[in-house]
Structures are given as C-alpha cells and as structure tokens.
Amino acid sequence: MSETIPAELASARGTIDNIDAALIHLLAERFKCTQRVGHIKADLGLPPSDPGREAEQIRRLRALAEDAGLDPVFAEKFLSFIVEEVIRHHVATAEQRQSD
C-alpha cells in the first residue's frame, strides 16, 4: 500500500537528507585532519590524548551549541563520541609507528 506524502513533509525530509550528507562529508574531512594530527603526535612521541585540549574543546563547543540553540549536553556527548574514536585512531597509529 502506497501512501501519498505531503509536499511539506517530503521537502523537510529532503532537507534532512541534504544536511545528513553534509555532516558525513564534514566528518570525513575532520577525520582526515585528525589522522594527520595522529601521525604528527606519533612522530613526536606525544600521547594520543590531550585532556587539556579536549576540555577546552568541550567548553568551546558547548558555548557554540548554546548560541545555536542546540542542547549543549547533546553537543558534548556528540563531541565525546568523536574524540573517543579519534583517540582510538591515534593509539593505533602510535602502535603502528612503534612496530615499524
């Protein structure tokens, strides 16, 4: 059974799809940059995690979220998820550099 979707709903969904695509592309670019950071840290013997920088980023992004009308708790959770993945990559990069 096929239901007709109202034009307003279809339009809103199309916008969401475009935003989702943009988010994926932005995340890909972010991870390319953090991959470069991971290689630099590994080359310099720096730790994969930088708690001071991470805390600063959380403060900054919570403020940005508030200014944008986004729940800062959600923004922090989202950033924390990304940072965990970045650190996991940095650890793997450092381990790979040590074994080379």
PDB file of N, CA and C in Angstrom:
ATOM      1  N   MET A   1       0.834  -1.165   0.000  1.00  0.00           N
ATOM      2  CA  MET A   1       0.000   0.000   0.000  1.00  0.00           C
ATOM      3  C   MET A   1       0.890   1.244   0.000  1.00  0.00           C
ATOM      4  N   SER A   2       0.650   2.150  -0.917  1.00  0.00           N
ATOM      5  CA  SER A   2       1.438   3.354  -1.062  1.00  0.00           C
ATOM      6  C   SER A   2       0.658   4.554  -0.552  1.00  0.00           C
ATOM      7  N   GLU A   3       1.262   5.301   0.349  1.00  0.00           N
ATOM      8  CA  GLU A   3       0.624   6.499   0.879  1.00  0.00           C
ATOM      9  C   GLU A   3       1.259   7.718   0.239  1.00  0.00           C
ATOM     10  N   THR A   4       0.460   8.703  -0.014  1.00  0.00           N
ATOM     11  CA  THR A   4       0.967   9.952  -0.553  1.00  0.00           C
ATOM     12  C   THR A   4       1.566  10.762   0.593  1.00  0.00           C
ATOM     13  N   ILE A   5       2.785  11.198   0.376  1.00  0.00           N
ATOM     14  CA  ILE A   5       3.466  12.004   1.392  1.00  0.00           C
ATOM     15  C   ILE A   5       3.213  13.473   1.066  1.00  0.00           C
ATOM     16  N   PRO A   6       2.736  14.232   2.036  1.00  0.00           N
ATOM     17  CA  PRO A   6       2.505  15.657   1.784  1.00  0.00           C
ATOM     18  C   PRO A   6       3.790  16.360   1.333  1.00  0.00           C
ATOM     19  N   ALA A   7       3.661  17.309   0.448  1.00  0.00           N
ATOM     20  CA  ALA A   7       4.814  18.022  -0.113  1.00  0.00           C
ATOM     21  C   ALA A   7       5.684  18.651   0.973  1.00  0.00           C
ATOM     22  N   GLU A   8       5.041  19.203   1.995  1.00  0.00           N
ATOM     23  CA  GLU A   8       5.798  19.844   3.081  1.00  0.00           C
ATOM     24  C   GLU A   8       6.677  18.829   3.813  1.00  0.00           C
ATOM     25  N   LEU A   9       6.146  17.634   4.041  1.00  0.00           N
ATOM     26  CA  LEU A   9       6.912  16.571   4.698  1.00  0.00           C
ATOM     27  C   LEU A   9       8.044  16.095   3.799  1.00  0.00           C
ATOM     28  N   ALA A  10       7.754  15.891   2.532  1.00  0.00           N
ATOM     29  CA  ALA A  10       8.788  15.456   1.582  1.00  0.00           C
ATOM     30  C   ALA A  10       9.906  16.486   1.490  1.00  0.00           C
ATOM     31  N   SER A  11       9.539  17.755   1.490  1.00  0.00           N
ATOM     32  CA  SER A  11      10.535  18.822   1.428  1.00  0.00           C
ATOM     33  C   SER A  11      11.417  18.834   2.681  1.00  0.00           C
ATOM     34  N   ALA A  12      10.774  18.708   3.853  1.00  0.00           N
ATOM     35  CA  ALA A  12      11.543  18.684   5.105  1.00  0.00           C
ATOM     36  C   ALA A  12      12.478  17.487   5.141  1.00  0.00           C
ATOM     37  N   ARG A  13      12.004  16.346   4.677  1.00  0.00           N
ATOM     38  CA  ARG A  13      12.857  15.146   4.641  1.00  0.00           C
ATOM     39  C   ARG A  13      14.014  15.324   3.658  1.00  0.00           C
ATOM     40  N   GLY A  14      13.753  15.969   2.536  1.00  0.00           N
ATOM     41  CA  GLY A  14      14.821  16.238   1.572  1.00  0.00           C
ATOM     42  C   GLY A  14      15.901  17.123   2.176  1.00  0.00           C
ATOM     43  N   THR A  15      15.478  18.117   2.939  1.00  0.00           N
ATOM     44  CA  THR A  15      16.439  18.992   3.621  1.00  0.00           C
ATOM     45  C   THR A  15      17.260  18.200   4.631  1.00  0.00           C
ATOM     46  N   ILE A  16      16.592  17.342   5.382  1.00  0.00           N
ATOM     47  CA  ILE A  16      17.300  16.496   6.357  1.00  0.00           C
ATOM     48  C   ILE A  16      18.320  15.611   5.647  1.00  0.00           C
ATOM     49  N   ASP A  17      17.932  15.018   4.529  1.00  0.00           N
ATOM     50  CA  ASP A  17      18.856  14.164   3.766  1.00  0.00           C
ATOM     51  C   ASP A  17      20.082  14.949   3.311  1.00  0.00           C
ATOM     52  N   ASN A  18      19.874  16.184   2.861  1.00  0.00           N
ATOM     53  CA  ASN A  18      20.996  17.017   2.424  1.00  0.00           C
ATOM     54  C   ASN A  18      21.913  17.379   3.595  1.00  0.00           C
ATOM     55  N   ILE A  19      21.315  17.691   4.725  1.00  0.00           N
ATOM     56  CA  ILE A  19      22.118  18.006   5.919  1.00  0.00           C
ATOM     57  C   ILE A  19      22.910  16.784   6.365  1.00  0.00           C
ATOM     58  N   ASP A  20      22.272  15.609   6.357  1.00  0.00           N
ATOM     59  CA  ASP A  20      22.977  14.374   6.723  1.00  0.00           C
ATOM     60  C   ASP A  20      24.177  14.138   5.804  1.00  0.00           C
ATOM     61  N   ALA A  21      23.989  14.358   4.510  1.00  0.00           N
ATOM     62  CA  ALA A  21      25.102  14.185   3.562  1.00  0.00           C
ATOM     63  C   ALA A  21      26.227  15.173   3.874  1.00  0.00           C
ATOM     64  N   ALA A  22      25.865  16.410   4.182  1.00  0.00           N
ATOM     65  CA  ALA A  22      26.880  17.410   4.528  1.00  0.00           C
ATOM     66  C   ALA A  22      27.623  17.015   5.797  1.00  0.00           C
ATOM     67  N   LEU A  23      26.886  16.512   6.795  1.00  0.00           N
ATOM     68  CA  LEU A  23      27.524  16.074   8.036  1.00  0.00           C
ATOM     69  C   LEU A  23      28.532  14.959   7.783  1.00  0.00           C
ATOM     70  N   ILE A  24      28.175  14.002   6.949  1.00  0.00           N
ATOM     71  CA  ILE A  24      29.091  12.896   6.635  1.00  0.00           C
ATOM     72  C   ILE A  24      30.346  13.427   5.972  1.00  0.00           C
ATOM     73  N   HIS A  25      30.185  14.341   5.030  1.00  0.00           N
ATOM     74  CA  HIS A  25      31.358  14.907   4.354  1.00  0.00           C
ATOM     75  C   HIS A  25      32.217  15.725   5.321  1.00  0.00           C
ATOM     76  N   LEU A  26      31.588  16.470   6.207  1.00  0.00           N
ATOM     77  CA  LEU A  26      32.342  17.228   7.212  1.00  0.00           C
ATOM     78  C   LEU A  26      33.085  16.300   8.168  1.00  0.00           C
ATOM     79  N   LEU A  27      32.425  15.234   8.600  1.00  0.00           N
ATOM     80  CA  LEU A  27      33.098  14.270   9.484  1.00  0.00           C
ATOM     81  C   LEU A  27      34.272  13.610   8.778  1.00  0.00           C
ATOM     82  N   ALA A  28      34.119  13.298   7.500  1.00  0.00           N
ATOM     83  CA  ALA A  28      35.226  12.707   6.742  1.00  0.00           C
ATOM     84  C   ALA A  28      36.403  13.668   6.701  1.00  0.00           C
ATOM     85  N   GLU A  29      36.150  14.939   6.451  1.00  0.00           N
ATOM     86  CA  GLU A  29      37.231  15.936   6.430  1.00  0.00           C
ATOM     87  C   GLU A  29      37.866  16.088   7.807  1.00  0.00           C
ATOM     88  N   ARG A  30      37.038  16.071   8.833  1.00  0.00           N
ATOM     89  CA  ARG A  30      37.570  16.185  10.197  1.00  0.00           C
ATOM     90  C   ARG A  30      38.490  15.014  10.517  1.00  0.00           C
ATOM     91  N   PHE A  31      38.075  13.797  10.139  1.00  0.00           N
ATOM     92  CA  PHE A  31      38.897  12.626  10.432  1.00  0.00           C
ATOM     93  C   PHE A  31      40.170  12.602   9.597  1.00  0.00           C
ATOM     94  N   LYS A  32      40.149  13.162   8.396  1.00  0.00           N
ATOM     95  CA  LYS A  32      41.393  13.277   7.614  1.00  0.00           C
ATOM     96  C   LYS A  32      42.378  14.169   8.364  1.00  0.00           C
ATOM     97  N   CYS A  33      41.868  15.261   8.920  1.00  0.00           N
ATOM     98  CA  CYS A  33      42.727  16.187   9.665  1.00  0.00           C
ATOM     99  C   CYS A  33      43.229  15.556  10.960  1.00  0.00           C
ATOM    100  N   THR A  34      42.344  14.871  11.688  1.00  0.00           N
ATOM    101  CA  THR A  34      42.786  14.252  12.938  1.00  0.00           C
ATOM    102  C   THR A  34      43.739  13.089  12.672  1.00  0.00           C
ATOM    103  N   GLN A  35      43.613  12.462  11.510  1.00  0.00           N
ATOM    104  CA  GLN A  35      44.568  11.409  11.149  1.00  0.00           C
ATOM    105  C   GLN A  35      45.967  12.019  10.993  1.00  0.00           C
ATOM    106  N   ARG A  36      46.019  13.184  10.352  1.00  0.00           N
ATOM    107  CA  ARG A  36      47.300  13.886  10.202  1.00  0.00           C
ATOM    108  C   ARG A  36      47.867  14.245  11.583  1.00  0.00           C
ATOM    109  N   VAL A  37      46.991  14.716  12.488  1.00  0.00           N
ATOM    110  CA  VAL A  37      47.421  15.039  13.855  1.00  0.00           C
ATOM    111  C   VAL A  37      47.976  13.788  14.530  1.00  0.00           C
ATOM    112  N   GLY A  38      47.309  12.658  14.344  1.00  0.00           N
ATOM    113  CA  GLY A  38      47.777  11.404  14.943  1.00  0.00           C
ATOM    114  C   GLY A  38      49.168  11.021  14.460  1.00  0.00           C
ATOM    115  N   HIS A  39      49.423  11.220  13.174  1.00  0.00           N
ATOM    116  CA  HIS A  39      50.760  10.913  12.640  1.00  0.00           C
ATOM    117  C   HIS A  39      51.811  11.865  13.217  1.00  0.00           C
ATOM    118  N   ILE A  40      51.460  13.130  13.321  1.00  0.00           N
ATOM    119  CA  ILE A  40      52.394  14.108  13.889  1.00  0.00           C
ATOM    120  C   ILE A  40      52.700  13.753  15.345  1.00  0.00           C
ATOM    121  N   LYS A  41      51.660  13.446  16.118  1.00  0.00           N
ATOM    122  CA  LYS A  41      51.860  13.073  17.522  1.00  0.00           C
ATOM    123  C   LYS A  41      52.738  11.823  17.632  1.00  0.00           C
ATOM    124  N   ALA A  42      52.474  10.839  16.784  1.00  0.00           N
ATOM    125  CA  ALA A  42      53.259   9.603  16.838  1.00  0.00           C
ATOM    126  C   ALA A  42      54.715   9.892  16.499  1.00  0.00           C
ATOM    127  N   ASP A  43      54.949  10.720  15.490  1.00  0.00           N
ATOM    128  CA  ASP A  43      56.321  11.064  15.098  1.00  0.00           C
ATOM    129  C   ASP A  43      57.061  11.800  16.214  1.00  0.00           C
ATOM    130  N   LEU A  44      56.333  12.617  16.966  1.00  0.00           N
ATOM    131  CA  LEU A  44      56.945  13.400  18.041  1.00  0.00           C
ATOM    132  C   LEU A  44      56.942  12.682  19.388  1.00  0.00           C
ATOM    133  N   GLY A  45      56.336  11.499  19.423  1.00  0.00           N
ATOM    134  CA  GLY A  45      56.257  10.750  20.677  1.00  0.00           C
ATOM    135  C   GLY A  45      55.284  11.350  21.672  1.00  0.00           C
ATOM    136  N   LEU A  46      54.300  12.085  21.185  1.00  0.00           N
ATOM    137  CA  LEU A  46      53.311  12.697  22.065  1.00  0.00           C
ATOM    138  C   LEU A  46      52.186  11.699  22.357  1.00  0.00           C
ATOM    139  N   PRO A  47      51.521  11.833  23.495  1.00  0.00           N
ATOM    140  CA  PRO A  47      50.431  10.913  23.820  1.00  0.00           C
ATOM    141  C   PRO A  47      49.250  11.102  22.872  1.00  0.00           C
ATOM    142  N   PRO A  48      48.505  10.037  22.643  1.00  0.00           N
ATOM    143  CA  PRO A  48      47.345  10.117  21.740  1.00  0.00           C
ATOM    144  C   PRO A  48      46.251  11.063  22.236  1.00  0.00           C
ATOM    145  N   SER A  49      46.144  11.207  23.535  1.00  0.00           N
ATOM    146  CA  SER A  49      45.096  12.039  24.128  1.00  0.00           C
ATOM    147  C   SER A  49      45.700  13.310  24.711  1.00  0.00           C
ATOM    148  N   ASP A  50      44.954  14.403  24.622  1.00  0.00           N
ATOM    149  CA  ASP A  50      45.358  15.674  25.211  1.00  0.00           C
ATOM    150  C   ASP A  50      44.178  16.186  26.039  1.00  0.00           C
ATOM    151  N   PRO A  51      44.087  15.745  27.310  1.00  0.00           N
ATOM    152  CA  PRO A  51      42.921  16.092  28.131  1.00  0.00           C
ATOM    153  C   PRO A  51      42.667  17.596  28.249  1.00  0.00           C
ATOM    154  N   GLY A  52      43.713  18.398  28.294  1.00  0.00           N
ATOM    155  CA  GLY A  52      43.527  19.853  28.382  1.00  0.00           C
ATOM    156  C   GLY A  52      42.853  20.403  27.138  1.00  0.00           C
ATOM    157  N   ARG A  53      43.321  19.981  25.993  1.00  0.00           N
ATOM    158  CA  ARG A  53      42.714  20.410  24.714  1.00  0.00           C
ATOM    159  C   ARG A  53      41.275  19.908  24.620  1.00  0.00           C
ATOM    160  N   GLU A  54      41.056  18.670  25.038  1.00  0.00           N
ATOM    161  CA  GLU A  54      39.710  18.105  24.957  1.00  0.00           C
ATOM    162  C   GLU A  54      38.740  18.890  25.844  1.00  0.00           C
ATOM    163  N   ALA A  55      39.168  19.247  27.041  1.00  0.00           N
ATOM    164  CA  ALA A  55      38.312  20.028  27.946  1.00  0.00           C
ATOM    165  C   ALA A  55      38.024  21.404  27.348  1.00  0.00           C
ATOM    166  N   GLU A  56      39.046  22.005  26.743  1.00  0.00           N
ATOM    167  CA  GLU A  56      38.869  23.311  26.093  1.00  0.00           C
ATOM    168  C   GLU A  56      37.863  23.212  24.941  1.00  0.00           C
ATOM    169  N   GLN A  57      37.978  22.150  24.160  1.00  0.00           N
ATOM    170  CA  GLN A  57      37.059  21.951  23.040  1.00  0.00           C
ATOM    171  C   GLN A  57      35.630  21.752  23.533  1.00  0.00           C
ATOM    172  N   ILE A  58      35.468  21.007  24.608  1.00  0.00           N
ATOM    173  CA  ILE A  58      34.123  20.794  25.158  1.00  0.00           C
ATOM    174  C   ILE A  58      33.518  22.119  25.590  1.00  0.00           C
ATOM    175  N   ARG A  59      34.299  22.931  26.285  1.00  0.00           N
ATOM    176  CA  ARG A  59      33.795  24.245  26.714  1.00  0.00           C
ATOM    177  C   ARG A  59      33.403  25.090  25.503  1.00  0.00           C
ATOM    178  N   ARG A  60      34.261  25.111  24.506  1.00  0.00           N
ATOM    179  CA  ARG A  60      34.014  25.920  23.311  1.00  0.00           C
ATOM    180  C   ARG A  60      32.775  25.439  22.566  1.00  0.00           C
ATOM    181  N   LEU A  61      32.654  24.122  22.375  1.00  0.00           N
ATOM    182  CA  LEU A  61      31.530  23.600  21.611  1.00  0.00           C
ATOM    183  C   LEU A  61      30.213  23.671  22.377  1.00  0.00           C
ATOM    184  N   ARG A  62      30.272  23.574  23.695  1.00  0.00           N
ATOM    185  CA  ARG A  62      29.048  23.771  24.485  1.00  0.00           C
ATOM    186  C   ARG A  62      28.541  25.199  24.310  1.00  0.00           C
ATOM    187  N   ALA A  63      29.457  26.164  24.320  1.00  0.00           N
ATOM    188  CA  ALA A  63      29.065  27.566  24.116  1.00  0.00           C
ATOM    189  C   ALA A  63      28.503  27.773  22.711  1.00  0.00           C
ATOM    190  N   LEU A  64      29.146  27.178  21.714  1.00  0.00           N
ATOM    191  CA  LEU A  64      28.637  27.273  20.345  1.00  0.00           C
ATOM    192  C   LEU A  64      27.244  26.659  20.238  1.00  0.00           C
ATOM    193  N   ALA A  65      27.062  25.529  20.888  1.00  0.00           N
ATOM    194  CA  ALA A  65      25.763  24.858  20.867  1.00  0.00           C
ATOM    195  C   ALA A  65      24.687  25.759  21.482  1.00  0.00           C
ATOM    196  N   GLU A  66      25.007  26.338  22.623  1.00  0.00           N
ATOM    197  CA  GLU A  66      24.044  27.234  23.272  1.00  0.00           C
ATOM    198  C   GLU A  66      23.687  28.396  22.356  1.00  0.00           C
ATOM    199  N   ASP A  67      24.694  28.992  21.720  1.00  0.00           N
ATOM    200  CA  ASP A  67      24.446  30.109  20.802  1.00  0.00           C
ATOM    201  C   ASP A  67      23.590  29.682  19.614  1.00  0.00           C
ATOM    202  N   ALA A  68      23.722  28.432  19.193  1.00  0.00           N
ATOM    203  CA  ALA A  68      22.988  27.924  18.036  1.00  0.00           C
ATOM    204  C   ALA A  68      21.620  27.361  18.404  1.00  0.00           C
ATOM    205  N   GLY A  69      21.291  27.335  19.697  1.00  0.00           N
ATOM    206  CA  GLY A  69      20.016  26.783  20.125  1.00  0.00           C
ATOM    207  C   GLY A  69      19.998  25.265  20.158  1.00  0.00           C
ATOM    208  N   LEU A  70      21.182  24.660  20.288  1.00  0.00           N
ATOM    209  CA  LEU A  70      21.305  23.202  20.379  1.00  0.00           C
ATOM    210  C   LEU A  70      21.609  22.836  21.825  1.00  0.00           C
ATOM    211  N   ASP A  71      21.043  21.757  22.289  1.00  0.00           N
ATOM    212  CA  ASP A  71      21.277  21.297  23.653  1.00  0.00           C
ATOM    213  C   ASP A  71      22.776  21.059  23.854  1.00  0.00           C
ATOM    214  N   PRO A  72      23.420  21.797  24.763  1.00  0.00           N
ATOM    215  CA  PRO A  72      24.861  21.643  24.974  1.00  0.00           C
ATOM    216  C   PRO A  72      25.239  20.261  25.505  1.00  0.00           C
ATOM    217  N   VAL A  73      24.346  19.615  26.222  1.00  0.00           N
ATOM    218  CA  VAL A  73      24.624  18.254  26.710  1.00  0.00           C
ATOM    219  C   VAL A  73      24.722  17.306  25.519  1.00  0.00           C
ATOM    220  N   PHE A  74      23.804  17.438  24.576  1.00  0.00           N
ATOM    221  CA  PHE A  74      23.859  16.624  23.360  1.00  0.00           C
ATOM    222  C   PHE A  74      25.143  16.910  22.589  1.00  0.00           C
ATOM    223  N   ALA A  75      25.486  18.185  22.452  1.00  0.00           N
ATOM    224  CA  ALA A  75      26.697  18.559  21.721  1.00  0.00           C
ATOM    225  C   ALA A  75      27.937  17.945  22.368  1.00  0.00           C
ATOM    226  N   GLU A  76      27.980  17.953  23.690  1.00  0.00           N
ATOM    227  CA  GLU A  76      29.119  17.365  24.401  1.00  0.00           C
ATOM    228  C   GLU A  76      29.170  15.857  24.190  1.00  0.00           C
ATOM    229  N   LYS A  77      28.036  15.202  24.250  1.00  0.00           N
ATOM    230  CA  LYS A  77      28.003  13.750  24.013  1.00  0.00           C
ATOM    231  C   LYS A  77      28.479  13.427  22.602  1.00  0.00           C
ATOM    232  N   PHE A  78      28.036  14.206  21.636  1.00  0.00           N
ATOM    233  CA  PHE A  78      28.419  14.000  20.247  1.00  0.00           C
ATOM    234  C   PHE A  78      29.926  14.189  20.087  1.00  0.00           C
ATOM    235  N   LEU A  79      30.457  15.269  20.657  1.00  0.00           N
ATOM    236  CA  LEU A  79      31.897  15.518  20.581  1.00  0.00           C
ATOM    237  C   LEU A  79      32.672  14.417  21.291  1.00  0.00           C
ATOM    238  N   SER A  80      32.209  13.988  22.433  1.00  0.00           N
ATOM    239  CA  SER A  80      32.904  12.930  23.182  1.00  0.00           C
ATOM    240  C   SER A  80      32.983  11.645  22.367  1.00  0.00           C
ATOM    241  N   PHE A  81      31.908  11.321  21.666  1.00  0.00           N
ATOM    242  CA  PHE A  81      31.902  10.142  20.808  1.00  0.00           C
ATOM    243  C   PHE A  81      32.967  10.271  19.720  1.00  0.00           C
ATOM    244  N   ILE A  82      33.040  11.437  19.101  1.00  0.00           N
ATOM    245  CA  ILE A  82      34.029  11.665  18.039  1.00  0.00           C
ATOM    246  C   ILE A  82      35.441  11.605  18.613  1.00  0.00           C
ATOM    247  N   VAL A  83      35.669  12.255  19.735  1.00  0.00           N
ATOM    248  CA  VAL A  83      37.006  12.285  20.345  1.00  0.00           C
ATOM    249  C   VAL A  83      37.450  10.881  20.737  1.00  0.00           C
ATOM    250  N   GLU A  84      36.557  10.072  21.261  1.00  0.00           N
ATOM    251  CA  GLU A  84      36.913   8.679  21.591  1.00  0.00           C
ATOM    252  C   GLU A  84      37.414   7.938  20.361  1.00  0.00           C
ATOM    253  N   GLU A  85      36.751   8.138  19.243  1.00  0.00           N
ATOM    254  CA  GLU A  85      37.148   7.479  18.005  1.00  0.00           C
ATOM    255  C   GLU A  85      38.493   8.016  17.517  1.00  0.00           C
ATOM    256  N   VAL A  86      38.690   9.312  17.615  1.00  0.00           N
ATOM    257  CA  VAL A  86      39.961   9.920  17.214  1.00  0.00           C
ATOM    258  C   VAL A  86      41.105   9.361  18.065  1.00  0.00           C
ATOM    259  N   ILE A  87      40.909   9.287  19.369  1.00  0.00           N
ATOM    260  CA  ILE A  87      41.951   8.770  20.259  1.00  0.00           C
ATOM    261  C   ILE A  87      42.253   7.313  19.924  1.00  0.00           C
ATOM    262  N   ARG A  88      41.220   6.544  19.632  1.00  0.00           N
ATOM    263  CA  ARG A  88      41.425   5.144  19.237  1.00  0.00           C
ATOM    264  C   ARG A  88      42.321   5.078  17.989  1.00  0.00           C
ATOM    265  N   HIS A  89      42.068   5.953  17.034  1.00  0.00           N
ATOM    266  CA  HIS A  89      42.907   6.001  15.826  1.00  0.00           C
ATOM    267  C   HIS A  89      44.329   6.432  16.164  1.00  0.00           C
ATOM    268  N   HIS A  90      44.466   7.417  17.050  1.00  0.00           N
ATOM    269  CA  HIS A  90      45.803   7.898  17.431  1.00  0.00           C
ATOM    270  C   HIS A  90      46.603   6.800  18.128  1.00  0.00           C
ATOM    271  N   VAL A  91      45.937   6.040  18.979  1.00  0.00           N
ATOM    272  CA  VAL A  91      46.606   4.921  19.664  1.00  0.00           C
ATOM    273  C   VAL A  91      47.088   3.912  18.627  1.00  0.00           C
ATOM    274  N   ALA A  92      46.221   3.576  17.683  1.00  0.00           N
ATOM    275  CA  ALA A  92      46.595   2.596  16.642  1.00  0.00           C
ATOM    276  C   ALA A  92      47.760   3.117  15.806  1.00  0.00           C
ATOM    277  N   THR A  93      47.732   4.387  15.483  1.00  0.00           N
ATOM    278  CA  THR A  93      48.824   4.989  14.693  1.00  0.00           C
ATOM    279  C   THR A  93      50.136   4.926  15.471  1.00  0.00           C
ATOM    280  N   ALA A  94      50.087   5.275  16.749  1.00  0.00           N
ATOM    281  CA  ALA A  94      51.292   5.244  17.583  1.00  0.00           C
ATOM    282  C   ALA A  94      51.834   3.817  17.686  1.00  0.00           C
ATOM    283  N   GLU A  95      50.945   2.858  17.878  1.00  0.00           N
ATOM    284  CA  GLU A  95      51.381   1.465  17.974  1.00  0.00           C
ATOM    285  C   GLU A  95      51.994   0.988  16.660  1.00  0.00           C
ATOM    286  N   GLN A  96      51.405   1.407  15.569  1.00  0.00           N
ATOM    287  CA  GLN A  96      51.942   1.028  14.257  1.00  0.00           C
ATOM    288  C   GLN A  96      53.321   1.636  14.036  1.00  0.00           C
ATOM    289  N   ARG A  97      53.490   2.892  14.436  1.00  0.00           N
ATOM    290  CA  ARG A  97      54.787   3.574  14.274  1.00  0.00           C
ATOM    291  C   ARG A  97      55.853   2.894  15.135  1.00  0.00           C
ATOM    292  N   GLN A  98      55.462   2.431  16.321  1.00  0.00           N
ATOM    293  CA  GLN A  98      56.434   1.772  17.208  1.00  0.00           C
ATOM    294  C   GLN A  98      56.866   0.418  16.660  1.00  0.00           C
ATOM    295  N   SER A  99      55.966  -0.237  15.938  1.00  0.00           N
ATOM    296  CA  SER A  99      56.296  -1.567  15.426  1.00  0.00           C
ATOM    297  C   SER A  99      57.034  -1.512  14.086  1.00  0.00           C
ATOM    298  N   ASP A 100      57.025  -0.333  13.448  1.00  0.00           N
ATOM    299  CA  ASP A 100      57.734  -0.190  12.157  1.00  0.00           C
ATOM    300  C   ASP A 100      59.238  -0.149  12.325  1.00  0.00           C
TER     301      ASP A 100
END
